[in-house]
């Protein structure tokens, strides 16, 4: 199971910051941002190997399920 920042969203935000800098903004004037989108990924194969049962409600909330 993994819960972390959504990497495509992080890359998109980084590209927007680069665009601002290339258009003349000073890097020191741009505020630091934290991730706002997170993904929950469940690996059912590993859970089965470890003997862990994942509740159906958690499976329903997962953004990605690896089988």
Protein backbone atom coordinates (compact mmCIF):
# COMPACT_ATOMS: atom_id res chain seq x y z
CA UNK A 1 0.00 0.00 0.00
CA UNK A 2 1.27 3.43 -0.85
CA UNK A 3 -0.17 6.86 -0.20
CA UNK A 4 1.77 9.71 -1.74
CA UNK A 5 1.85 12.70 -4.00
CA UNK A 6 0.53 12.38 -7.55
CA UNK A 7 3.68 12.61 -9.71
CA UNK A 8 2.04 13.81 -12.94
CA UNK A 9 0.51 16.68 -10.96
CA UNK A 10 3.91 17.51 -9.42
CA UNK A 11 5.51 17.58 -12.88
CA UNK A 12 2.74 19.82 -14.20
CA UNK A 13 3.24 22.26 -11.30
CA UNK A 14 7.01 22.22 -11.86
CA UNK A 15 6.46 23.10 -15.52
CA UNK A 16 4.26 26.03 -14.50
CA UNK A 17 6.99 27.31 -12.19
CA UNK A 18 9.60 27.02 -14.96
CA UNK A 19 7.26 28.94 -17.26
CA UNK A 20 6.95 31.75 -14.69
CA UNK A 21 10.75 31.94 -14.31
CA UNK A 22 11.29 31.98 -18.09
CA UNK A 23 8.77 34.82 -18.35
CA UNK A 24 10.84 36.91 -15.94
CA UNK A 25 9.64 36.11 -12.42
CA UNK A 26 12.35 35.99 -9.80
CA UNK A 27 12.67 32.48 -8.32
CA UNK A 28 12.94 33.96 -4.82
CA UNK A 29 9.55 35.66 -5.23
CA UNK A 30 7.70 32.46 -6.13
CA UNK A 31 6.13 30.84 -3.05
CA UNK A 32 6.99 27.27 -2.08
CA UNK A 33 4.08 24.92 -2.73
CA UNK A 34 3.17 21.58 -1.22
CA UNK A 35 1.46 18.77 -3.13
CA UNK A 36 -2.32 18.98 -3.20
CA UNK A 37 -3.19 15.72 -5.00
CA UNK A 38 -2.41 12.36 -3.44
CA UNK A 39 -2.90 8.79 -4.67
CA UNK A 40 -3.67 5.60 -2.78
CA UNK A 41 -2.20 2.54 -4.50
CA UNK A 42 -2.89 -0.99 -3.27
CA UNK A 43 -0.95 -4.10 -4.31
CA UNK A 44 -3.26 -7.09 -3.88
CA UNK A 45 -0.60 -9.63 -4.86
CA UNK A 46 1.70 -8.54 -2.05
CA UNK A 47 -1.20 -8.31 0.40
CA UNK A 48 -2.21 -11.89 -0.43
CA UNK A 49 1.39 -13.11 -0.04
CA UNK A 50 1.61 -11.45 3.38
CA UNK A 51 -1.80 -12.78 4.39
CA UNK A 52 -3.29 -9.30 4.73
CA UNK A 53 -6.95 -8.87 3.83
CA UNK A 54 -7.84 -5.48 2.36
CA UNK A 55 -11.35 -4.27 3.28
CA UNK A 56 -13.71 -3.64 0.37
CA UNK A 57 -14.21 -0.03 1.48
CA UNK A 58 -10.48 0.62 1.18
CA UNK A 59 -10.38 -1.04 -2.25
CA UNK A 60 -13.21 1.23 -3.37
CA UNK A 61 -11.30 4.34 -2.30
CA UNK A 62 -8.01 3.34 -3.98
CA UNK A 63 -6.88 5.34 -7.00
CA UNK A 64 -5.00 2.31 -8.39
CA UNK A 65 -5.17 -1.39 -7.55
CA UNK A 66 -2.34 -3.69 -8.65
CA UNK A 67 -3.49 -7.27 -9.05
